[in-house]
């Protein structure tokens, strides 16, 4: 068996262990979000906490947004951000490519 094949097998075994070990090691663990932890902390520190603003969309719609809509808006925001970053990186790469072509001339 070749050296590359041994490395590949070792990496596959390591990947499988990374997937399987946490299932048993973290059995019964409680994974809470930062929003939950923040609201619990606010309740502990000041039980009479009153929000100082109301979200704009909740005011416009007259109630809380459904979770699916919040997720959709978050995904749209993420997509726009990724698009902007990818566009800027593409511009930098293309600029470098054009400069290398000019330097060759």
PDB file of N, CA and C in Angstrom:
ATOM      1  N   UNK A   1       0.848  -1.172   0.000  1.00  0.00           N
ATOM      2  CA  UNK A   1       0.000   0.000   0.000  1.00  0.00           C
ATOM      3  C   UNK A   1       0.898   1.242   0.000  1.00  0.00           C
ATOM      4  N   UNK A   2       0.534   2.224  -0.844  1.00  0.00           N
ATOM      5  CA  UNK A   2       1.343   3.429  -0.976  1.00  0.00           C
ATOM      6  C   UNK A   2       1.173   4.380   0.191  1.00  0.00           C
ATOM      7  N   UNK A   3       2.109   5.320   0.268  1.00  0.00           N
ATOM      8  CA  UNK A   3       2.101   6.291   1.355  1.00  0.00           C
ATOM      9  C   UNK A   3       0.853   7.180   1.294  1.00  0.00           C
ATOM     10  N   UNK A   4       0.459   7.608   0.081  1.00  0.00           N
ATOM     11  CA  UNK A   4      -0.723   8.462  -0.065  1.00  0.00           C
ATOM     12  C   UNK A   4      -1.992   7.739   0.355  1.00  0.00           C
ATOM     13  N   UNK A   5      -2.054   6.445   0.055  1.00  0.00           N
ATOM     14  CA  UNK A   5      -3.236   5.668   0.424  1.00  0.00           C
ATOM     15  C   UNK A   5      -3.346   5.537   1.949  1.00  0.00           C
ATOM     16  N   UNK A   6      -2.222   5.346   2.624  1.00  0.00           N
ATOM     17  CA  UNK A   6      -2.217   5.250   4.084  1.00  0.00           C
ATOM     18  C   UNK A   6      -2.651   6.572   4.711  1.00  0.00           C
ATOM     19  N   UNK A   7      -2.166   7.669   4.167  1.00  0.00           N
ATOM     20  CA  UNK A   7      -2.552   8.985   4.691  1.00  0.00           C
ATOM     21  C   UNK A   7      -4.040   9.214   4.489  1.00  0.00           C
ATOM     22  N   UNK A   8      -4.549   8.831   3.321  1.00  0.00           N
ATOM     23  CA  UNK A   8      -5.974   9.001   3.038  1.00  0.00           C
ATOM     24  C   UNK A   8      -6.827   8.188   4.000  1.00  0.00           C
ATOM     25  N   UNK A   9      -6.442   6.961   4.240  1.00  0.00           N
ATOM     26  CA  UNK A   9      -7.188   6.108   5.165  1.00  0.00           C
ATOM     27  C   UNK A   9      -7.134   6.676   6.581  1.00  0.00           C
ATOM     28  N   UNK A  10      -5.961   7.140   7.007  1.00  0.00           N
ATOM     29  CA  UNK A  10      -5.822   7.723   8.342  1.00  0.00           C
ATOM     30  C   UNK A  10      -6.704   8.972   8.485  1.00  0.00           C
ATOM     31  N   UNK A  11      -6.759   9.804   7.453  1.00  0.00           N
ATOM     32  CA  UNK A  11      -7.593  11.004   7.501  1.00  0.00           C
ATOM     33  C   UNK A  11      -9.079  10.658   7.525  1.00  0.00           C
ATOM     34  N   UNK A  12      -9.467   9.629   6.784  1.00  0.00           N
ATOM     35  CA  UNK A  12     -10.871   9.198   6.798  1.00  0.00           C
ATOM     36  C   UNK A  12     -11.268   8.660   8.175  1.00  0.00           C
ATOM     37  N   UNK A  13     -10.373   7.907   8.798  1.00  0.00           N
ATOM     38  CA  UNK A  13     -10.641   7.396  10.147  1.00  0.00           C
ATOM     39  C   UNK A  13     -10.739   8.564  11.135  1.00  0.00           C
ATOM     40  N   UNK A  14      -9.831   9.544  11.017  1.00  0.00           N
ATOM     41  CA  UNK A  14      -9.868  10.712  11.904  1.00  0.00           C
ATOM     42  C   UNK A  14     -11.175  11.488  11.714  1.00  0.00           C
ATOM     43  N   UNK A  15     -11.616  11.647  10.465  1.00  0.00           N
ATOM     44  CA  UNK A  15     -12.870  12.355  10.197  1.00  0.00           C
ATOM     45  C   UNK A  15     -14.053  11.603  10.802  1.00  0.00           C
ATOM     46  N   UNK A  16     -14.050  10.290  10.673  1.00  0.00           N
ATOM     47  CA  UNK A  16     -15.131   9.489  11.250  1.00  0.00           C
ATOM     48  C   UNK A  16     -15.133   9.614  12.774  1.00  0.00           C
ATOM     49  N   UNK A  17     -13.975   9.627  13.391  1.00  0.00           N
ATOM     50  CA  UNK A  17     -13.897   9.788  14.845  1.00  0.00           C
ATOM     51  C   UNK A  17     -14.386  11.165  15.283  1.00  0.00           C
ATOM     52  N   UNK A  18     -14.060  12.190  14.499  1.00  0.00           N
ATOM     53  CA  UNK A  18     -14.520  13.543  14.817  1.00  0.00           C
ATOM     54  C   UNK A  18     -16.039  13.611  14.765  1.00  0.00           C
ATOM     55  N   UNK A  19     -16.649  12.842  13.899  1.00  0.00           N
ATOM     56  CA  UNK A  19     -18.105  12.830  13.781  1.00  0.00           C
ATOM     57  C   UNK A  19     -18.743  12.002  14.895  1.00  0.00           C
ATOM     58  N   UNK A  20     -18.169  10.844  15.216  1.00  0.00           N
ATOM     59  CA  UNK A  20     -18.796   9.897  16.129  1.00  0.00           C
ATOM     60  C   UNK A  20     -18.529  10.212  17.598  1.00  0.00           C
ATOM     61  N   UNK A  21     -17.316  10.607  17.956  1.00  0.00           N
ATOM     62  CA  UNK A  21     -16.950  10.809  19.361  1.00  0.00           C
ATOM     63  C   UNK A  21     -17.843  11.844  20.060  1.00  0.00           C
ATOM     64  N   UNK A  22     -18.124  13.011  19.460  1.00  0.00           N
ATOM     65  CA  UNK A  22     -18.992  13.973  20.164  1.00  0.00           C
ATOM     66  C   UNK A  22     -20.400  13.445  20.444  1.00  0.00           C
ATOM     67  N   UNK A  23     -20.894  12.521  19.630  1.00  0.00           N
ATOM     68  CA  UNK A  23     -22.211  11.960  19.879  1.00  0.00           C
ATOM     69  C   UNK A  23     -22.283  11.259  21.223  1.00  0.00           C
ATOM     70  N   UNK A  24     -21.203  10.620  21.617  1.00  0.00           N
ATOM     71  CA  UNK A  24     -21.167   9.910  22.890  1.00  0.00           C
ATOM     72  C   UNK A  24     -20.616  10.780  24.013  1.00  0.00           C
ATOM     73  N   UNK A  25     -19.630  11.602  23.723  1.00  0.00           N
ATOM     74  CA  UNK A  25     -19.003  12.427  24.756  1.00  0.00           C
ATOM     75  C   UNK A  25     -19.933  13.547  25.237  1.00  0.00           C
ATOM     76  N   UNK A  26     -20.779  14.057  24.365  1.00  0.00           N
ATOM     77  CA  UNK A  26     -21.650  15.178  24.721  1.00  0.00           C
ATOM     78  C   UNK A  26     -23.101  14.759  24.901  1.00  0.00           C
ATOM     79  N   UNK A  27     -23.320  13.497  25.231  1.00  0.00           N
ATOM     80  CA  UNK A  27     -24.686  12.996  25.412  1.00  0.00           C
ATOM     81  C   UNK A  27     -25.355  13.732  26.567  1.00  0.00           C
ATOM     82  N   UNK A  28     -26.535  14.285  26.299  1.00  0.00           N
ATOM     83  CA  UNK A  28     -27.283  14.994  27.319  1.00  0.00           C
ATOM     84  C   UNK A  28     -26.841  16.432  27.542  1.00  0.00           C
ATOM     85  N   UNK A  29     -25.902  16.933  26.722  1.00  0.00           N
ATOM     86  CA  UNK A  29     -25.447  18.315  26.872  1.00  0.00           C
ATOM     87  C   UNK A  29     -26.536  19.271  26.407  1.00  0.00           C
ATOM     88  N   UNK A  30     -26.584  20.429  27.034  1.00  0.00           N
ATOM     89  CA  UNK A  30     -27.584  21.434  26.691  1.00  0.00           C
ATOM     90  C   UNK A  30     -26.903  22.521  25.877  1.00  0.00           C
ATOM     91  N   UNK A  31     -27.339  22.681  24.628  1.00  0.00           N
ATOM     92  CA  UNK A  31     -26.771  23.690  23.750  1.00  0.00           C
ATOM     93  C   UNK A  31     -27.790  24.813  23.588  1.00  0.00           C
ATOM     94  N   UNK A  32     -27.571  25.908  24.279  1.00  0.00           N
ATOM     95  CA  UNK A  32     -28.466  27.052  24.183  1.00  0.00           C
ATOM     96  C   UNK A  32     -27.830  28.141  23.330  1.00  0.00           C
ATOM     97  N   UNK A  33     -28.673  28.978  22.786  1.00  0.00           N
ATOM     98  CA  UNK A  33     -28.182  30.069  21.965  1.00  0.00           C
ATOM     99  C   UNK A  33     -27.810  31.282  22.800  1.00  0.00           C
ATOM    100  N   UNK A  34     -27.135  32.223  22.170  1.00  0.00           N
ATOM    101  CA  UNK A  34     -26.724  33.431  22.881  1.00  0.00           C
ATOM    102  C   UNK A  34     -27.926  34.294  23.234  1.00  0.00           C
ATOM    103  N   UNK A  35     -28.975  34.253  22.421  1.00  0.00           N
ATOM    104  CA  UNK A  35     -30.181  35.016  22.750  1.00  0.00           C
ATOM    105  C   UNK A  35     -30.796  34.514  24.054  1.00  0.00           C
ATOM    106  N   UNK A  36     -30.858  33.190  24.193  1.00  0.00           N
ATOM    107  CA  UNK A  36     -31.411  32.619  25.422  1.00  0.00           C
ATOM    108  C   UNK A  36     -30.562  32.993  26.636  1.00  0.00           C
ATOM    109  N   UNK A  37     -29.245  32.895  26.479  1.00  0.00           N
ATOM    110  CA  UNK A  37     -28.355  33.217  27.586  1.00  0.00           C
ATOM    111  C   UNK A  37     -28.468  34.691  27.955  1.00  0.00           C
ATOM    112  N   UNK A  38     -28.603  35.548  26.958  1.00  0.00           N
ATOM    113  CA  UNK A  38     -28.741  36.983  27.224  1.00  0.00           C
ATOM    114  C   UNK A  38     -30.024  37.307  27.942  1.00  0.00           C
ATOM    115  N   UNK A  39     -31.119  36.703  27.510  1.00  0.00           N
ATOM    116  CA  UNK A  39     -32.401  37.003  28.158  1.00  0.00           C
ATOM    117  C   UNK A  39     -32.428  36.468  29.593  1.00  0.00           C
ATOM    118  N   UNK A  40     -31.808  35.323  29.828  1.00  0.00           N
ATOM    119  CA  UNK A  40     -31.731  34.791  31.197  1.00  0.00           C
ATOM    120  C   UNK A  40     -30.905  35.729  32.070  1.00  0.00           C
ATOM    121  N   UNK A  41     -29.807  36.236  31.528  1.00  0.00           N
ATOM    122  CA  UNK A  41     -28.947  37.141  32.296  1.00  0.00           C
ATOM    123  C   UNK A  41     -29.687  38.443  32.598  1.00  0.00           C
ATOM    124  N   UNK A  42     -30.425  38.958  31.637  1.00  0.00           N
ATOM    125  CA  UNK A  42     -31.194  40.183  31.869  1.00  0.00           C
ATOM    126  C   UNK A  42     -32.214  39.954  32.967  1.00  0.00           C
ATOM    127  N   UNK A  43     -32.887  38.813  32.960  1.00  0.00           N
ATOM    128  CA  UNK A  43     -33.868  38.507  34.001  1.00  0.00           C
ATOM    129  C   UNK A  43     -33.214  38.398  35.366  1.00  0.00           C
ATOM    130  N   UNK A  44     -31.992  37.853  35.412  1.00  0.00           N
ATOM    131  CA  UNK A  44     -31.293  37.730  36.689  1.00  0.00           C
ATOM    132  C   UNK A  44     -30.856  39.088  37.212  1.00  0.00           C
ATOM    133  N   UNK A  45     -30.327  39.931  36.328  1.00  0.00           N
ATOM    134  CA  UNK A  45     -29.775  41.217  36.749  1.00  0.00           C
ATOM    135  C   UNK A  45     -30.882  42.199  37.113  1.00  0.00           C
ATOM    136  N   UNK A  46     -31.848  42.332  36.255  1.00  0.00           N
ATOM    137  CA  UNK A  46     -32.926  43.294  36.504  1.00  0.00           C
ATOM    138  C   UNK A  46     -34.235  42.687  36.031  1.00  0.00           C
ATOM    139  N   UNK A  47     -35.033  42.216  36.955  1.00  0.00           N
ATOM    140  CA  UNK A  47     -36.293  41.584  36.596  1.00  0.00           C
ATOM    141  C   UNK A  47     -37.290  42.551  35.986  1.00  0.00           C
ATOM    142  N   UNK A  48     -37.069  43.852  36.160  1.00  0.00           N
ATOM    143  CA  UNK A  48     -37.988  44.852  35.628  1.00  0.00           C
ATOM    144  C   UNK A  48     -37.453  45.474  34.342  1.00  0.00           C
ATOM    145  N   UNK A  49     -36.729  44.703  33.573  1.00  0.00           N
ATOM    146  CA  UNK A  49     -36.154  45.210  32.324  1.00  0.00           C
ATOM    147  C   UNK A  49     -37.259  45.527  31.329  1.00  0.00           C
ATOM    148  N   UNK A  50     -37.162  46.703  30.709  1.00  0.00           N
ATOM    149  CA  UNK A  50     -38.095  47.090  29.664  1.00  0.00           C
ATOM    150  C   UNK A  50     -37.298  47.431  28.410  1.00  0.00           C
ATOM    151  N   UNK A  51     -37.620  46.815  27.289  1.00  0.00           N
ATOM    152  CA  UNK A  51     -36.896  47.147  26.052  1.00  0.00           C
ATOM    153  C   UNK A  51     -37.056  48.633  25.721  1.00  0.00           C
ATOM    154  N   UNK A  52     -36.003  49.261  25.208  1.00  0.00           N
ATOM    155  CA  UNK A  52     -36.041  50.685  24.905  1.00  0.00           C
ATOM    156  C   UNK A  52     -36.395  50.968  23.456  1.00  0.00           C
ATOM    157  N   UNK A  53     -36.672  49.918  22.663  1.00  0.00           N
ATOM    158  CA  UNK A  53     -37.154  50.124  21.306  1.00  0.00           C
ATOM    159  C   UNK A  53     -37.938  48.903  20.874  1.00  0.00           C
ATOM    160  N   UNK A  54     -38.693  49.058  19.808  1.00  0.00           N
ATOM    161  CA  UNK A  54     -39.449  47.956  19.220  1.00  0.00           C
ATOM    162  C   UNK A  54     -38.940  47.765  17.798  1.00  0.00           C
ATOM    163  N   UNK A  55     -38.680  46.537  17.377  1.00  0.00           N
ATOM    164  CA  UNK A  55     -38.206  46.314  16.017  1.00  0.00           C
ATOM    165  C   UNK A  55     -39.145  46.939  14.978  1.00  0.00           C
ATOM    166  N   UNK A  56     -38.557  47.496  13.928  1.00  0.00           N
ATOM    167  CA  UNK A  56     -39.311  48.235  12.908  1.00  0.00           C
ATOM    168  C   UNK A  56     -40.374  47.357  12.247  1.00  0.00           C
ATOM    169  N   UNK A  57     -40.011  46.139  11.857  1.00  0.00           N
ATOM    170  CA  UNK A  57     -40.976  45.278  11.174  1.00  0.00           C
ATOM    171  C   UNK A  57     -42.117  44.855  12.101  1.00  0.00           C
ATOM    172  N   UNK A  58     -41.826  44.711  13.374  1.00  0.00           N
ATOM    173  CA  UNK A  58     -42.897  44.364  14.310  1.00  0.00           C
ATOM    174  C   UNK A  58     -43.882  45.523  14.448  1.00  0.00           C
ATOM    175  N   UNK A  59     -43.382  46.750  14.396  1.00  0.00           N
ATOM    176  CA  UNK A  59     -44.266  47.907  14.449  1.00  0.00           C
ATOM    177  C   UNK A  59     -45.122  47.975  13.190  1.00  0.00           C
ATOM    178  N   UNK A  60     -44.504  47.733  12.029  1.00  0.00           N
ATOM    179  CA  UNK A  60     -45.219  47.840  10.758  1.00  0.00           C
ATOM    180  C   UNK A  60     -46.286  46.758  10.619  1.00  0.00           C
ATOM    181  N   UNK A  61     -45.985  45.552  11.092  1.00  0.00           N
ATOM    182  CA  UNK A  61     -46.919  44.443  10.931  1.00  0.00           C
ATOM    183  C   UNK A  61     -47.870  44.307  12.118  1.00  0.00           C
ATOM    184  N   UNK A  62     -47.602  45.005  13.176  1.00  0.00           N
ATOM    185  CA  UNK A  62     -48.481  44.958  14.329  1.00  0.00           C
ATOM    186  C   UNK A  62     -48.326  43.714  15.184  1.00  0.00           C
ATOM    187  N   UNK A  63     -47.220  43.034  15.106  1.00  0.00           N
ATOM    188  CA  UNK A  63     -46.996  41.843  15.924  1.00  0.00           C
ATOM    189  C   UNK A  63     -45.637  41.250  15.636  1.00  0.00           C
ATOM    190  N   UNK A  64     -45.309  40.195  16.350  1.00  0.00           N
ATOM    191  CA  UNK A  64     -44.015  39.555  16.177  1.00  0.00           C
ATOM    192  C   UNK A  64     -43.960  38.787  14.875  1.00  0.00           C
ATOM    193  N   UNK A  65     -42.782  38.804  14.236  1.00  0.00           N
ATOM    194  CA  UNK A  65     -42.589  38.070  12.988  1.00  0.00           C
ATOM    195  C   UNK A  65     -42.516  36.579  13.265  1.00  0.00           C
ATOM    196  N   UNK A  66     -43.077  35.759  12.378  1.00  0.00           N
ATOM    197  CA  UNK A  66     -42.908  34.311  12.528  1.00  0.00           C
ATOM    198  C   UNK A  66     -41.438  33.922  12.374  1.00  0.00           C
ATOM    199  N   UNK A  67     -41.067  32.822  12.986  1.00  0.00           N
ATOM    200  CA  UNK A  67     -39.676  32.368  12.934  1.00  0.00           C
ATOM    201  C   UNK A  67     -39.170  32.119  11.526  1.00  0.00           C
ATOM    202  N   UNK A  68     -40.058  31.636  10.638  1.00  0.00           N
ATOM    203  CA  UNK A  68     -39.645  31.357   9.268  1.00  0.00           C
ATOM    204  C   UNK A  68     -39.269  32.638   8.538  1.00  0.00           C
ATOM    205  N   UNK A  69     -40.015  33.703   8.790  1.00  0.00           N
ATOM    206  CA  UNK A  69     -39.723  34.982   8.139  1.00  0.00           C
ATOM    207  C   UNK A  69     -38.418  35.554   8.676  1.00  0.00           C
ATOM    208  N   UNK A  70     -38.188  35.432   9.970  1.00  0.00           N
ATOM    209  CA  UNK A  70     -36.926  35.895  10.543  1.00  0.00           C
ATOM    210  C   UNK A  70     -35.757  35.139   9.929  1.00  0.00           C
ATOM    211  N   UNK A  71     -35.907  33.828   9.774  1.00  0.00           N
ATOM    212  CA  UNK A  71     -34.843  33.026   9.161  1.00  0.00           C
ATOM    213  C   UNK A  71     -34.621  33.437   7.715  1.00  0.00           C
ATOM    214  N   UNK A  72     -35.708  33.684   6.986  1.00  0.00           N
ATOM    215  CA  UNK A  72     -35.595  34.113   5.595  1.00  0.00           C
ATOM    216  C   UNK A  72     -34.838  35.433   5.502  1.00  0.00           C
ATOM    217  N   UNK A  73     -35.206  36.396   6.330  1.00  0.00           N
ATOM    218  CA  UNK A  73     -34.532  37.694   6.297  1.00  0.00           C
ATOM    219  C   UNK A  73     -33.059  37.561   6.668  1.00  0.00           C
ATOM    220  N   UNK A  74     -32.752  36.699   7.633  1.00  0.00           N
ATOM    221  CA  UNK A  74     -31.357  36.471   8.011  1.00  0.00           C
ATOM    222  C   UNK A  74     -30.582  35.866   6.845  1.00  0.00           C
ATOM    223  N   UNK A  75     -31.193  34.907   6.148  1.00  0.00           N
ATOM    224  CA  UNK A  75     -30.523  34.272   5.009  1.00  0.00           C
ATOM    225  C   UNK A  75     -30.317  35.263   3.863  1.00  0.00           C
ATOM    226  N   UNK A  76     -31.303  36.119   3.619  1.00  0.00           N
ATOM    227  CA  UNK A  76     -31.159  37.135   2.577  1.00  0.00           C
ATOM    228  C   UNK A  76     -30.022  38.093   2.935  1.00  0.00           C
ATOM    229  N   UNK A  77     -29.975  38.511   4.195  1.00  0.00           N
ATOM    230  CA  UNK A  77     -28.906  39.395   4.654  1.00  0.00           C
ATOM    231  C   UNK A  77     -27.541  38.722   4.479  1.00  0.00           C
ATOM    232  N   UNK A  78     -27.455  37.444   4.824  1.00  0.00           N
ATOM    233  CA  UNK A  78     -26.209  36.705   4.673  1.00  0.00           C
ATOM    234  C   UNK A  78     -25.810  36.612   3.209  1.00  0.00           C
ATOM    235  N   UNK A  79     -26.777  36.317   2.345  1.00  0.00           N
ATOM    236  CA  UNK A  79     -26.491  36.220   0.909  1.00  0.00           C
ATOM    237  C   UNK A  79     -25.988  37.526   0.336  1.00  0.00           C
ATOM    238  N   UNK A  80     -26.586  38.635   0.743  1.00  0.00           N
ATOM    239  CA  UNK A  80     -26.130  39.937   0.260  1.00  0.00           C
ATOM    240  C   UNK A  80     -24.698  40.208   0.728  1.00  0.00           C
ATOM    241  N   UNK A  81     -24.427  39.911   1.987  1.00  0.00           N
ATOM    242  CA  UNK A  81     -23.079  40.120   2.510  1.00  0.00           C
ATOM    243  C   UNK A  81     -22.037  39.270   1.796  1.00  0.00           C
ATOM    244  N   UNK A  82     -22.362  38.007   1.572  1.00  0.00           N
ATOM    245  CA  UNK A  82     -21.438  37.118   0.862  1.00  0.00           C
ATOM    246  C   UNK A  82     -21.237  37.600  -0.567  1.00  0.00           C
ATOM    247  N   UNK A  83     -22.306  38.062  -1.205  1.00  0.00           N
ATOM    248  CA  UNK A  83     -22.193  38.578  -2.573  1.00  0.00           C
ATOM    249  C   UNK A  83     -21.270  39.779  -2.653  1.00  0.00           C
ATOM    250  N   UNK A  84     -21.377  40.682  -1.688  1.00  0.00           N
ATOM    251  CA  UNK A  84     -20.517  41.867  -1.670  1.00  0.00           C
ATOM    252  C   UNK A  84     -19.062  41.471  -1.456  1.00  0.00           C
ATOM    253  N   UNK A  85     -18.825  40.572  -0.506  1.00  0.00           N
ATOM    254  CA  UNK A  85     -17.452  40.130  -0.244  1.00  0.00           C
ATOM    255  C   UNK A  85     -16.865  39.415  -1.460  1.00  0.00           C
ATOM    256  N   UNK A  86     -17.647  38.533  -2.088  1.00  0.00           N
ATOM    257  CA  UNK A  86     -17.160  37.811  -3.262  1.00  0.00           C
ATOM    258  C   UNK A  86     -16.887  38.773  -4.416  1.00  0.00           C
ATOM    259  N   UNK A  87     -17.733  39.775  -4.594  1.00  0.00           N
ATOM    260  CA  UNK A  87     -17.519  40.760  -5.650  1.00  0.00           C
ATOM    261  C   UNK A  87     -16.218  41.511  -5.426  1.00  0.00           C
ATOM    262  N   UNK A  88     -15.999  41.964  -4.184  1.00  0.00           N
ATOM    263  CA  UNK A  88     -14.765  42.701  -3.876  1.00  0.00           C
ATOM    264  C   UNK A  88     -13.529  41.832  -4.072  1.00  0.00           C
ATOM    265  N   UNK A  89     -13.604  40.580  -3.609  1.00  0.00           N
ATOM    266  CA  UNK A  89     -12.455  39.682  -3.798  1.00  0.00           C
ATOM    267  C   UNK A  89     -12.199  39.434  -5.276  1.00  0.00           C
ATOM    268  N   UNK A  90     -13.258  39.259  -6.053  1.00  0.00           N
ATOM    269  CA  UNK A  90     -13.097  39.070  -7.492  1.00  0.00           C
ATOM    270  C   UNK A  90     -12.463  40.274  -8.152  1.00  0.00           C
ATOM    271  N   UNK A  91     -12.858  41.464  -7.711  1.00  0.00           N
ATOM    272  CA  UNK A  91     -12.256  42.685  -8.266  1.00  0.00           C
ATOM    273  C   UNK A  91     -10.765  42.737  -7.949  1.00  0.00           C
ATOM    274  N   UNK A  92     -10.390  42.388  -6.712  1.00  0.00           N
ATOM    275  CA  UNK A  92      -8.978  42.405  -6.340  1.00  0.00           C
ATOM    276  C   UNK A  92      -8.178  41.399  -7.164  1.00  0.00           C
ATOM    277  N   UNK A  93      -8.728  40.219  -7.346  1.00  0.00           N
ATOM    278  CA  UNK A  93      -8.031  39.192  -8.124  1.00  0.00           C
ATOM    279  C   UNK A  93      -7.889  39.641  -9.575  1.00  0.00           C
ATOM    280  N   UNK A  94      -8.955  40.187 -10.140  1.00  0.00           N
ATOM    281  CA  UNK A  94      -8.905  40.631 -11.535  1.00  0.00           C
ATOM    282  C   UNK A  94      -7.935  41.801 -11.694  1.00  0.00           C
ATOM    283  N   UNK A  95      -7.924  42.700 -10.720  1.00  0.00           N
ATOM    284  CA  UNK A  95      -6.983  43.826 -10.782  1.00  0.00           C
ATOM    285  C   UNK A  95      -5.545  43.318 -10.774  1.00  0.00           C
ATOM    286  N   UNK A  96      -5.266  42.355  -9.909  1.00  0.00           N
ATOM    287  CA  UNK A  96      -3.911  41.796  -9.839  1.00  0.00           C
ATOM    288  C   UNK A  96      -3.561  41.097 -11.154  1.00  0.00           C
ATOM    289  N   UNK A  97      -4.534  40.400 -11.716  1.00  0.00           N
ATOM    290  CA  UNK A  97      -4.320  39.706 -12.988  1.00  0.00           C
ATOM    291  C   UNK A  97      -4.030  40.717 -14.104  1.00  0.00           C
ATOM    292  N   UNK A  98      -4.790  41.799 -14.162  1.00  0.00           N
ATOM    293  CA  UNK A  98      -4.574  42.818 -15.193  1.00  0.00           C
ATOM    294  C   UNK A  98      -3.219  43.501 -15.014  1.00  0.00           C
ATOM    295  N   UNK A  99      -2.828  43.753 -13.757  1.00  0.00           N
ATOM    296  CA  UNK A  99      -1.518  44.370 -13.516  1.00  0.00           C
ATOM    297  C   UNK A  99      -0.389  43.444 -13.938  1.00  0.00           C
ATOM    298  N   UNK A 100      -0.526  42.147 -13.705  1.00  0.00           N
ATOM    299  CA  UNK A 100       0.525  41.210 -14.127  1.00  0.00           C
ATOM    300  C   UNK A 100       0.603  41.139 -15.645  1.00  0.00           C
ATOM    301  N   UNK A 101      -0.536  41.267 -16.346  1.00  0.00           N
ATOM    302  CA  UNK A 101      -0.510  41.274 -17.806  1.00  0.00           C
ATOM    303  C   UNK A 101       0.171  42.546 -18.325  1.00  0.00           C
ATOM    304  N   UNK A 102      -0.079  43.702 -17.687  1.00  0.00           N
ATOM    305  CA  UNK A 102       0.551  44.954 -18.112  1.00  0.00           C
ATOM    306  C   UNK A 102       2.059  44.911 -17.872  1.00  0.00           C
ATOM    307  N   UNK A 103       2.488  44.276 -16.781  1.00  0.00           N
ATOM    308  CA  UNK A 103       3.906  44.198 -16.467  1.00  0.00           C
ATOM    309  C   UNK A 103       4.645  43.301 -17.436  1.00  0.00           C
ATOM    310  N   UNK A 104       3.961  42.343 -18.041  1.00  0.00           N
ATOM    311  CA  UNK A 104       4.584  41.437 -19.003  1.00  0.00           C
ATOM    312  C   UNK A 104       4.849  42.131 -20.334  1.00  0.00           C
ATOM    313  N   UNK A 105       4.064  43.163 -20.630  1.00  0.00           N
ATOM    314  CA  UNK A 105       4.194  43.849 -21.926  1.00  0.00           C
ATOM    315  C   UNK A 105       5.400  44.681 -22.025  1.00  0.00           C
TER     316      UNK A 105
END
